[in-house]
mmCIF file of all heavy atoms, coordinates in Angstrom:
data_MODEL
# 
_entry.id   MODEL 
# 
loop_
_atom_site.group_PDB 
_atom_site.id 
_atom_site.type_symbol 
_atom_site.label_atom_id 
_atom_site.label_alt_id 
_atom_site.label_comp_id 
_atom_site.label_asym_id 
_atom_site.label_entity_id 
_atom_site.label_seq_id 
_atom_site.pdbx_PDB_ins_code 
_atom_site.Cartn_x 
_atom_site.Cartn_y 
_atom_site.Cartn_z 
_atom_site.occupancy 
_atom_site.B_iso_or_equiv 
_atom_site.pdbx_formal_charge 
_atom_site.auth_seq_id 
_atom_site.auth_comp_id 
_atom_site.auth_asym_id 
_atom_site.auth_atom_id 
_atom_site.pdbx_PDB_model_num 
ATOM 1   N N   . ALA A 1 1  ? 65.697 -19.835 38.948 1.00 0.00 ? 1  ALA A N   1 
ATOM 2   C CA  . ALA A 1 1  ? 67.139 -19.579 38.972 1.00 0.00 ? 1  ALA A CA  1 
ATOM 3   C C   . ALA A 1 1  ? 67.921 -20.707 38.321 1.00 0.00 ? 1  ALA A C   1 
ATOM 4   O O   . ALA A 1 1  ? 68.980 -20.483 37.718 1.00 0.00 ? 1  ALA A O   1 
ATOM 5   C CB  . ALA A 1 1  ? 67.611 -19.377 40.408 1.00 0.00 ? 1  ALA A CB  1 
ATOM 6   N N   . ALA A 1 2  ? 67.420 -21.941 38.419 1.00 0.00 ? 2  ALA A N   1 
ATOM 7   C CA  . ALA A 1 2  ? 68.102 -23.088 37.832 1.00 0.00 ? 2  ALA A CA  1 
ATOM 8   C C   . ALA A 1 2  ? 67.856 -23.216 36.339 1.00 0.00 ? 2  ALA A C   1 
ATOM 9   O O   . ALA A 1 2  ? 68.492 -24.039 35.672 1.00 0.00 ? 2  ALA A O   1 
ATOM 10  C CB  . ALA A 1 2  ? 67.662 -24.374 38.535 1.00 0.00 ? 2  ALA A CB  1 
ATOM 11  N N   . SER A 1 3  ? 66.951 -22.409 35.792 1.00 0.00 ? 3  SER A N   1 
ATOM 12  C CA  . SER A 1 3  ? 66.653 -22.447 34.356 1.00 0.00 ? 3  SER A CA  1 
ATOM 13  C C   . SER A 1 3  ? 67.617 -21.535 33.612 1.00 0.00 ? 3  SER A C   1 
ATOM 14  O O   . SER A 1 3  ? 68.339 -20.747 34.201 1.00 0.00 ? 3  SER A O   1 
ATOM 15  C CB  . SER A 1 3  ? 65.207 -22.014 34.113 1.00 0.00 ? 3  SER A CB  1 
ATOM 16  O OG  . SER A 1 3  ? 64.312 -22.843 34.831 1.00 0.00 ? 3  SER A OG  1 
ATOM 17  N N   . ARG A 1 4  ? 67.613 -21.644 32.284 1.00 0.00 ? 4  ARG A N   1 
ATOM 18  C CA  . ARG A 1 4  ? 68.561 -20.882 31.468 1.00 0.00 ? 4  ARG A CA  1 
ATOM 19  C C   . ARG A 1 4  ? 67.815 -19.861 30.606 1.00 0.00 ? 4  ARG A C   1 
ATOM 20  O O   . ARG A 1 4  ? 66.598 -19.997 30.389 1.00 0.00 ? 4  ARG A O   1 
ATOM 21  C CB  . ARG A 1 4  ? 69.352 -21.840 30.574 1.00 0.00 ? 4  ARG A CB  1 
ATOM 22  C CG  . ARG A 1 4  ? 68.499 -22.601 29.582 1.00 0.00 ? 4  ARG A CG  1 
ATOM 23  C CD  . ARG A 1 4  ? 69.316 -23.550 28.710 1.00 0.00 ? 4  ARG A CD  1 
ATOM 24  N NE  . ARG A 1 4  ? 70.021 -24.536 29.502 1.00 0.00 ? 4  ARG A NE  1 
ATOM 25  C CZ  . ARG A 1 4  ? 70.658 -25.575 28.978 1.00 0.00 ? 4  ARG A CZ  1 
ATOM 26  N NH1 . ARG A 1 4  ? 70.660 -25.748 27.653 1.00 0.00 ? 4  ARG A NH1 1 
ATOM 27  N NH2 . ARG A 1 4  ? 71.270 -26.439 29.755 1.00 0.00 ? 4  ARG A NH2 1 
ATOM 28  N N   . PRO A 1 5  ? 68.504 -18.850 30.095 1.00 0.00 ? 5  PRO A N   1 
ATOM 29  C CA  . PRO A 1 5  ? 67.849 -17.871 29.216 1.00 0.00 ? 5  PRO A CA  1 
ATOM 30  C C   . PRO A 1 5  ? 67.165 -18.554 28.036 1.00 0.00 ? 5  PRO A C   1 
ATOM 31  O O   . PRO A 1 5  ? 67.639 -19.570 27.516 1.00 0.00 ? 5  PRO A O   1 
ATOM 32  C CB  . PRO A 1 5  ? 69.012 -16.979 28.765 1.00 0.00 ? 5  PRO A CB  1 
ATOM 33  C CG  . PRO A 1 5  ? 70.006 -17.076 29.876 1.00 0.00 ? 5  PRO A CG  1 
ATOM 34  C CD  . PRO A 1 5  ? 69.917 -18.492 30.368 1.00 0.00 ? 5  PRO A CD  1 
ATOM 35  N N   . ILE A 1 6  ? 66.061 -17.983 27.596 1.00 0.00 ? 6  ILE A N   1 
ATOM 36  C CA  . ILE A 1 6  ? 65.218 -18.651 26.602 1.00 0.00 ? 6  ILE A CA  1 
ATOM 37  C C   . ILE A 1 6  ? 65.743 -18.557 25.174 1.00 0.00 ? 6  ILE A C   1 
ATOM 38  O O   . ILE A 1 6  ? 65.456 -19.418 24.344 1.00 0.00 ? 6  ILE A O   1 
ATOM 39  C CB  . ILE A 1 6  ? 63.777 -18.082 26.671 1.00 0.00 ? 6  ILE A CB  1 
ATOM 40  C CG1 . ILE A 1 6  ? 62.813 -18.962 25.864 1.00 0.00 ? 6  ILE A CG1 1 
ATOM 41  C CG2 . ILE A 1 6  ? 63.748 -16.635 26.193 1.00 0.00 ? 6  ILE A CG2 1 
ATOM 42  C CD1 . ILE A 1 6  ? 61.364 -18.569 26.018 1.00 0.00 ? 6  ILE A CD1 1 
ATOM 43  N N   . ARG A 1 7  ? 66.545 -17.559 24.871 1.00 0.00 ? 7  ARG A N   1 
ATOM 44  C CA  . ARG A 1 7  ? 66.991 -17.355 23.492 1.00 0.00 ? 7  ARG A CA  1 
ATOM 45  C C   . ARG A 1 7  ? 67.728 -18.589 22.970 1.00 0.00 ? 7  ARG A C   1 
ATOM 46  O O   . ARG A 1 7  ? 68.625 -19.125 23.616 1.00 0.00 ? 7  ARG A O   1 
ATOM 47  C CB  . ARG A 1 7  ? 67.929 -16.162 23.390 1.00 0.00 ? 7  ARG A CB  1 
ATOM 48  C CG  . ARG A 1 7  ? 67.297 -14.835 23.774 1.00 0.00 ? 7  ARG A CG  1 
ATOM 49  C CD  . ARG A 1 7  ? 66.371 -14.302 22.704 1.00 0.00 ? 7  ARG A CD  1 
ATOM 50  N NE  . ARG A 1 7  ? 65.888 -12.952 23.036 1.00 0.00 ? 7  ARG A NE  1 
ATOM 51  C CZ  . ARG A 1 7  ? 64.952 -12.328 22.357 1.00 0.00 ? 7  ARG A CZ  1 
ATOM 52  N NH1 . ARG A 1 7  ? 64.381 -12.907 21.314 1.00 0.00 ? 7  ARG A NH1 1 
ATOM 53  N NH2 . ARG A 1 7  ? 64.557 -11.115 22.722 1.00 0.00 ? 7  ARG A NH2 1 
ATOM 54  N N   . GLY A 1 8  ? 67.333 -19.050 21.778 1.00 0.00 ? 8  GLY A N   1 
ATOM 55  C CA  . GLY A 1 8  ? 68.008 -20.166 21.129 1.00 0.00 ? 8  GLY A CA  1 
ATOM 56  C C   . GLY A 1 8  ? 67.658 -21.533 21.689 1.00 0.00 ? 8  GLY A C   1 
ATOM 57  O O   . GLY A 1 8  ? 68.305 -22.519 21.342 1.00 0.00 ? 8  GLY A O   1 
ATOM 58  N N   . THR A 1 9  ? 66.630 -21.626 22.528 1.00 0.00 ? 9  THR A N   1 
ATOM 59  C CA  . THR A 1 9  ? 66.279 -22.898 23.152 1.00 0.00 ? 9  THR A CA  1 
ATOM 60  C C   . THR A 1 9  ? 65.018 -23.493 22.518 1.00 0.00 ? 9  THR A C   1 
ATOM 61  O O   . THR A 1 9  ? 64.341 -22.872 21.698 1.00 0.00 ? 9  THR A O   1 
ATOM 62  C CB  . THR A 1 9  ? 66.030 -22.724 24.659 1.00 0.00 ? 9  THR A CB  1 
ATOM 63  O OG1 . THR A 1 9  ? 64.838 -21.936 24.847 1.00 0.00 ? 9  THR A OG1 1 
ATOM 64  C CG2 . THR A 1 9  ? 67.215 -22.029 25.325 1.00 0.00 ? 9  THR A CG2 1 
ATOM 65  N N   . LEU A 1 10 ? 64.695 -24.700 22.958 1.00 0.00 ? 10 LEU A N   1 
ATOM 66  C CA  . LEU A 1 10 ? 63.480 -25.376 22.520 1.00 0.00 ? 10 LEU A CA  1 
ATOM 67  C C   . LEU A 1 10 ? 62.243 -24.553 22.867 1.00 0.00 ? 10 LEU A C   1 
ATOM 68  O O   . LEU A 1 10 ? 61.264 -24.542 22.110 1.00 0.00 ? 10 LEU A O   1 
ATOM 69  C CB  . LEU A 1 10 ? 63.405 -26.752 23.191 1.00 0.00 ? 10 LEU A CB  1 
ATOM 70  C CG  . LEU A 1 10 ? 62.250 -27.659 22.797 1.00 0.00 ? 10 LEU A CG  1 
ATOM 71  C CD1 . LEU A 1 10 ? 62.418 -28.138 21.355 1.00 0.00 ? 10 LEU A CD1 1 
ATOM 72  C CD2 . LEU A 1 10 ? 62.192 -28.866 23.734 1.00 0.00 ? 10 LEU A CD2 1 
ATOM 73  N N   . ALA A 1 11 ? 62.279 -23.849 23.996 1.00 0.00 ? 11 ALA A N   1 
ATOM 74  C CA  . ALA A 1 11 ? 61.133 -23.027 24.398 1.00 0.00 ? 11 ALA A CA  1 
ATOM 75  C C   . ALA A 1 11 ? 60.894 -21.892 23.413 1.00 0.00 ? 11 ALA A C   1 
ATOM 76  O O   . ALA A 1 11 ? 59.743 -21.575 23.083 1.00 0.00 ? 11 ALA A O   1 
ATOM 77  C CB  . ALA A 1 11 ? 61.353 -22.471 25.810 1.00 0.00 ? 11 ALA A CB  1 
ATOM 78  N N   . GLU A 1 12 ? 61.966 -21.264 22.927 1.00 0.00 ? 12 GLU A N   1 
ATOM 79  C CA  . GLU A 1 12 ? 61.789 -20.215 21.920 1.00 0.00 ? 12 GLU A CA  1 
ATOM 80  C C   . GLU A 1 12 ? 61.215 -20.805 20.638 1.00 0.00 ? 12 GLU A C   1 
ATOM 81  O O   . GLU A 1 12 ? 60.326 -20.206 20.013 1.00 0.00 ? 12 GLU A O   1 
ATOM 82  C CB  . GLU A 1 12 ? 63.109 -19.517 21.622 1.00 0.00 ? 12 GLU A CB  1 
ATOM 83  C CG  . GLU A 1 12 ? 62.930 -18.383 20.606 1.00 0.00 ? 12 GLU A CG  1 
ATOM 84  C CD  . GLU A 1 12 ? 64.206 -17.620 20.305 1.00 0.00 ? 12 GLU A CD  1 
ATOM 85  O OE1 . GLU A 1 12 ? 65.297 -18.206 20.457 1.00 0.00 ? 12 GLU A OE1 1 
ATOM 86  O OE2 . GLU A 1 12 ? 64.112 -16.442 19.918 1.00 0.00 ? 12 GLU A OE2 1 
ATOM 87  N N   . ARG A 1 13 ? 61.682 -22.000 20.244 1.00 0.00 ? 13 ARG A N   1 
ATOM 88  C CA  . ARG A 1 13 ? 61.139 -22.625 19.031 1.00 0.00 ? 13 ARG A CA  1 
ATOM 89  C C   . ARG A 1 13 ? 59.661 -22.953 19.203 1.00 0.00 ? 13 ARG A C   1 
ATOM 90  O O   . ARG A 1 13 ? 58.877 -22.834 18.254 1.00 0.00 ? 13 ARG A O   1 
ATOM 91  C CB  . ARG A 1 13 ? 61.939 -23.885 18.683 1.00 0.00 ? 13 ARG A CB  1 
ATOM 92  C CG  . ARG A 1 13 ? 63.374 -23.593 18.289 1.00 0.00 ? 13 ARG A CG  1 
ATOM 93  C CD  . ARG A 1 13 ? 64.004 -24.742 17.526 1.00 0.00 ? 13 ARG A CD  1 
ATOM 94  N NE  . ARG A 1 13 ? 64.129 -25.953 18.324 1.00 0.00 ? 13 ARG A NE  1 
ATOM 95  C CZ  . ARG A 1 13 ? 65.132 -26.193 19.156 1.00 0.00 ? 13 ARG A CZ  1 
ATOM 96  N NH1 . ARG A 1 13 ? 66.088 -25.286 19.329 1.00 0.00 ? 13 ARG A NH1 1 
ATOM 97  N NH2 . ARG A 1 13 ? 65.192 -27.332 19.823 1.00 0.00 ? 13 ARG A NH2 1 
ATOM 98  N N   . TYR A 1 14 ? 59.270 -23.374 20.399 1.00 0.00 ? 14 TYR A N   1 
ATOM 99  C CA  . TYR A 1 14 ? 57.851 -23.637 20.660 1.00 0.00 ? 14 TYR A CA  1 
ATOM 100 C C   . TYR A 1 14 ? 57.031 -22.369 20.454 1.00 0.00 ? 14 TYR A C   1 
ATOM 101 O O   . TYR A 1 14 ? 55.992 -22.385 19.779 1.00 0.00 ? 14 TYR A O   1 
ATOM 102 C CB  . TYR A 1 14 ? 57.666 -24.167 22.079 1.00 0.00 ? 14 TYR A CB  1 
ATOM 103 C CG  . TYR A 1 14 ? 56.247 -24.041 22.580 1.00 0.00 ? 14 TYR A CG  1 
ATOM 104 C CD1 . TYR A 1 14 ? 55.239 -24.843 22.057 1.00 0.00 ? 14 TYR A CD1 1 
ATOM 105 C CD2 . TYR A 1 14 ? 55.904 -23.099 23.551 1.00 0.00 ? 14 TYR A CD2 1 
ATOM 106 C CE1 . TYR A 1 14 ? 53.925 -24.711 22.500 1.00 0.00 ? 14 TYR A CE1 1 
ATOM 107 C CE2 . TYR A 1 14 ? 54.602 -22.973 23.999 1.00 0.00 ? 14 TYR A CE2 1 
ATOM 108 C CZ  . TYR A 1 14 ? 53.618 -23.773 23.470 1.00 0.00 ? 14 TYR A CZ  1 
ATOM 109 O OH  . TYR A 1 14 ? 52.309 -23.645 23.894 1.00 0.00 ? 14 TYR A OH  1 
ATOM 110 N N   . LEU A 1 15 ? 57.479 -21.258 21.020 1.00 0.00 ? 15 LEU A N   1 
ATOM 111 C CA  . LEU A 1 15 ? 56.732 -20.003 20.878 1.00 0.00 ? 15 LEU A CA  1 
ATOM 112 C C   . LEU A 1 15 ? 56.716 -19.535 19.428 1.00 0.00 ? 15 LEU A C   1 
ATOM 113 O O   . LEU A 1 15 ? 55.699 -19.016 18.947 1.00 0.00 ? 15 LEU A O   1 
ATOM 114 C CB  . LEU A 1 15 ? 57.330 -18.942 21.794 1.00 0.00 ? 15 LEU A CB  1 
ATOM 115 C CG  . LEU A 1 15 ? 57.177 -19.219 23.295 1.00 0.00 ? 15 LEU A CG  1 
ATOM 116 C CD1 . LEU A 1 15 ? 57.932 -18.177 24.114 1.00 0.00 ? 15 LEU A CD1 1 
ATOM 117 C CD2 . LEU A 1 15 ? 55.704 -19.255 23.704 1.00 0.00 ? 15 LEU A CD2 1 
ATOM 118 N N   . GLN A 1 16 ? 57.817 -19.717 18.709 1.00 0.00 ? 16 GLN A N   1 
ATOM 119 C CA  . GLN A 1 16 ? 57.848 -19.361 17.285 1.00 0.00 ? 16 GLN A CA  1 
ATOM 120 C C   . GLN A 1 16 ? 56.818 -20.172 16.509 1.00 0.00 ? 16 GLN A C   1 
ATOM 121 O O   . GLN A 1 16 ? 56.193 -19.654 15.574 1.00 0.00 ? 16 GLN A O   1 
ATOM 122 C CB  . GLN A 1 16 ? 59.248 -19.565 16.731 1.00 0.00 ? 16 GLN A CB  1 
ATOM 123 C CG  . GLN A 1 16 ? 60.261 -18.532 17.205 1.00 0.00 ? 16 GLN A CG  1 
ATOM 124 C CD  . GLN A 1 16 ? 61.683 -18.866 16.788 1.00 0.00 ? 16 GLN A CD  1 
ATOM 125 O OE1 . GLN A 1 16 ? 61.998 -20.018 16.471 1.00 0.00 ? 16 GLN A OE1 1 
ATOM 126 N NE2 . GLN A 1 16 ? 62.558 -17.873 16.814 1.00 0.00 ? 16 GLN A NE2 1 
ATOM 127 N N   . SER A 1 17 ? 56.627 -21.429 16.889 1.00 0.00 ? 17 SER A N   1 
ATOM 128 C CA  . SER A 1 17 ? 55.626 -22.262 16.209 1.00 0.00 ? 17 SER A CA  1 
ATOM 129 C C   . SER A 1 17 ? 54.214 -21.749 16.467 1.00 0.00 ? 17 SER A C   1 
ATOM 130 O O   . SER A 1 17 ? 53.291 -22.071 15.712 1.00 0.00 ? 17 SER A O   1 
ATOM 131 C CB  . SER A 1 17 ? 55.733 -23.716 16.671 1.00 0.00 ? 17 SER A CB  1 
ATOM 132 O OG  . SER A 1 17 ? 55.210 -23.896 17.989 1.00 0.00 ? 17 SER A OG  1 
ATOM 133 N N   . ARG A 1 18 ? 54.049 -20.937 17.520 1.00 0.00 ? 18 ARG A N   1 
ATOM 134 C CA  . ARG A 1 18 ? 52.767 -20.311 17.825 1.00 0.00 ? 18 ARG A CA  1 
ATOM 135 C C   . ARG A 1 18 ? 52.655 -18.939 17.173 1.00 0.00 ? 18 ARG A C   1 
ATOM 136 O O   . ARG A 1 18 ? 51.720 -18.193 17.470 1.00 0.00 ? 18 ARG A O   1 
ATOM 137 C CB  . ARG A 1 18 ? 52.589 -20.172 19.340 1.00 0.00 ? 18 ARG A CB  1 
ATOM 138 C CG  . ARG A 1 18 ? 52.690 -21.466 20.138 1.00 0.00 ? 18 ARG A CG  1 
ATOM 139 C CD  . ARG A 1 18 ? 51.596 -22.427 19.783 1.00 0.00 ? 18 ARG A CD  1 
ATOM 140 N NE  . ARG A 1 18 ? 50.268 -21.836 19.939 1.00 0.00 ? 18 ARG A NE  1 
ATOM 141 C CZ  . ARG A 1 18 ? 49.149 -22.378 19.468 1.00 0.00 ? 18 ARG A CZ  1 
ATOM 142 N NH1 . ARG A 1 18 ? 49.196 -23.510 18.780 1.00 0.00 ? 18 ARG A NH1 1 
ATOM 143 N NH2 . ARG A 1 18 ? 47.996 -21.788 19.658 1.00 0.00 ? 18 ARG A NH2 1 
ATOM 144 N N   . GLY A 1 19 ? 53.605 -18.588 16.293 1.00 0.00 ? 19 GLY A N   1 
ATOM 145 C CA  . GLY A 1 19 ? 53.573 -17.295 15.611 1.00 0.00 ? 19 GLY A CA  1 
ATOM 146 C C   . GLY A 1 19 ? 54.097 -16.155 16.449 1.00 0.00 ? 19 GLY A C   1 
ATOM 147 O O   . GLY A 1 19 ? 53.986 -14.986 16.063 1.00 0.00 ? 19 GLY A O   1 
ATOM 148 N N   . ILE A 1 20 ? 54.684 -16.447 17.594 1.00 0.00 ? 20 ILE A N   1 
ATOM 149 C CA  . ILE A 1 20 ? 55.085 -15.428 18.565 1.00 0.00 ? 20 ILE A CA  1 
ATOM 150 C C   . ILE A 1 20 ? 56.515 -14.981 18.310 1.00 0.00 ? 20 ILE A C   1 
ATOM 151 O O   . ILE A 1 20 ? 57.417 -15.811 18.132 1.00 0.00 ? 20 ILE A O   1 
ATOM 152 C CB  . ILE A 1 20 ? 54.933 -15.971 20.000 1.00 0.00 ? 20 ILE A CB  1 
ATOM 153 C CG1 . ILE A 1 20 ? 53.443 -16.114 20.335 1.00 0.00 ? 20 ILE A CG1 1 
ATOM 154 C CG2 . ILE A 1 20 ? 55.641 -15.081 21.011 1.00 0.00 ? 20 ILE A CG2 1 
ATOM 155 C CD1 . ILE A 1 20 ? 53.167 -16.955 21.555 1.00 0.00 ? 20 ILE A CD1 1 
ATOM 156 N N   . ILE A 1 21 ? 56.727 -13.669 18.304 1.00 0.00 ? 21 ILE A N   1 
ATOM 157 C CA  . ILE A 1 21 ? 58.066 -13.079 18.259 1.00 0.00 ? 21 ILE A CA  1 
ATOM 158 C C   . ILE A 1 21 ? 58.385 -12.607 19.671 1.00 0.00 ? 21 ILE A C   1 
ATOM 159 O O   . ILE A 1 21 ? 57.647 -11.799 20.242 1.00 0.00 ? 21 ILE A O   1 
ATOM 160 C CB  . ILE A 1 21 ? 58.124 -11.906 17.272 1.00 0.00 ? 21 ILE A CB  1 
ATOM 161 C CG1 . ILE A 1 21 ? 57.782 -12.392 15.856 1.00 0.00 ? 21 ILE A CG1 1 
ATOM 162 C CG2 . ILE A 1 21 ? 59.497 -11.247 17.296 1.00 0.00 ? 21 ILE A CG2 1 
ATOM 163 C CD1 . ILE A 1 21 ? 57.625 -11.270 14.848 1.00 0.00 ? 21 ILE A CD1 1 
ATOM 164 N N   . LEU A 1 22 ? 59.462 -13.105 20.233 1.00 0.00 ? 22 LEU A N   1 
ATOM 165 C CA  . LEU A 1 22 ? 59.790 -12.735 21.599 1.00 0.00 ? 22 LEU A CA  1 
ATOM 166 C C   . LEU A 1 22 ? 60.054 -11.229 21.705 1.00 0.00 ? 22 LEU A C   1 
ATOM 167 O O   . LEU A 1 22 ? 60.699 -10.660 20.826 1.00 0.00 ? 22 LEU A O   1 
ATOM 168 C CB  . LEU A 1 22 ? 61.015 -13.500 22.090 1.00 0.00 ? 22 LEU A CB  1 
ATOM 169 C CG  . LEU A 1 22 ? 60.819 -14.988 22.385 1.00 0.00 ? 22 LEU A CG  1 
ATOM 170 C CD1 . LEU A 1 22 ? 62.130 -15.616 22.819 1.00 0.00 ? 22 LEU A CD1 1 
ATOM 171 C CD2 . LEU A 1 22 ? 59.749 -15.202 23.450 1.00 0.00 ? 22 LEU A CD2 1 
ATOM 172 N N   . PRO A 1 23 ? 59.575 -10.592 22.769 1.00 0.00 ? 23 PRO A N   1 
ATOM 173 C CA  . PRO A 1 23 ? 59.861 -9.163  22.966 1.00 0.00 ? 23 PRO A CA  1 
ATOM 174 C C   . PRO A 1 23 ? 61.331 -8.954  23.277 1.00 0.00 ? 23 PRO A C   1 
ATOM 175 O O   . PRO A 1 23 ? 62.083 -9.896  23.559 1.00 0.00 ? 23 PRO A O   1 
ATOM 176 C CB  . PRO A 1 23 ? 58.963 -8.783  24.146 1.00 0.00 ? 23 PRO A CB  1 
ATOM 177 C CG  . PRO A 1 23 ? 58.720 -10.059 24.869 1.00 0.00 ? 23 PRO A CG  1 
ATOM 178 C CD  . PRO A 1 23 ? 58.721 -11.136 23.833 1.00 0.00 ? 23 PRO A CD  1 
ATOM 179 N N   . ALA A 1 24 ? 61.754 -7.684  23.259 1.00 0.00 ? 24 ALA A N   1 
ATOM 180 C CA  . ALA A 1 24 ? 63.167 -7.380  23.520 1.00 0.00 ? 24 ALA A CA  1 
ATOM 181 C C   . ALA A 1 24 ? 63.587 -7.836  24.903 1.00 0.00 ? 24 ALA A C   1 
ATOM 182 O O   . ALA A 1 24 ? 64.681 -8.389  25.087 1.00 0.00 ? 24 ALA A O   1 
ATOM 183 C CB  . ALA A 1 24 ? 63.404 -5.876  23.357 1.00 0.00 ? 24 ALA A CB  1 
# 
């Protein structure tokens, strides 16, 4: 609950570096 949505964050960039496209 204390975390924030992943879109546009460092976590999304990490997954993109793994070739991952986030699902809808």
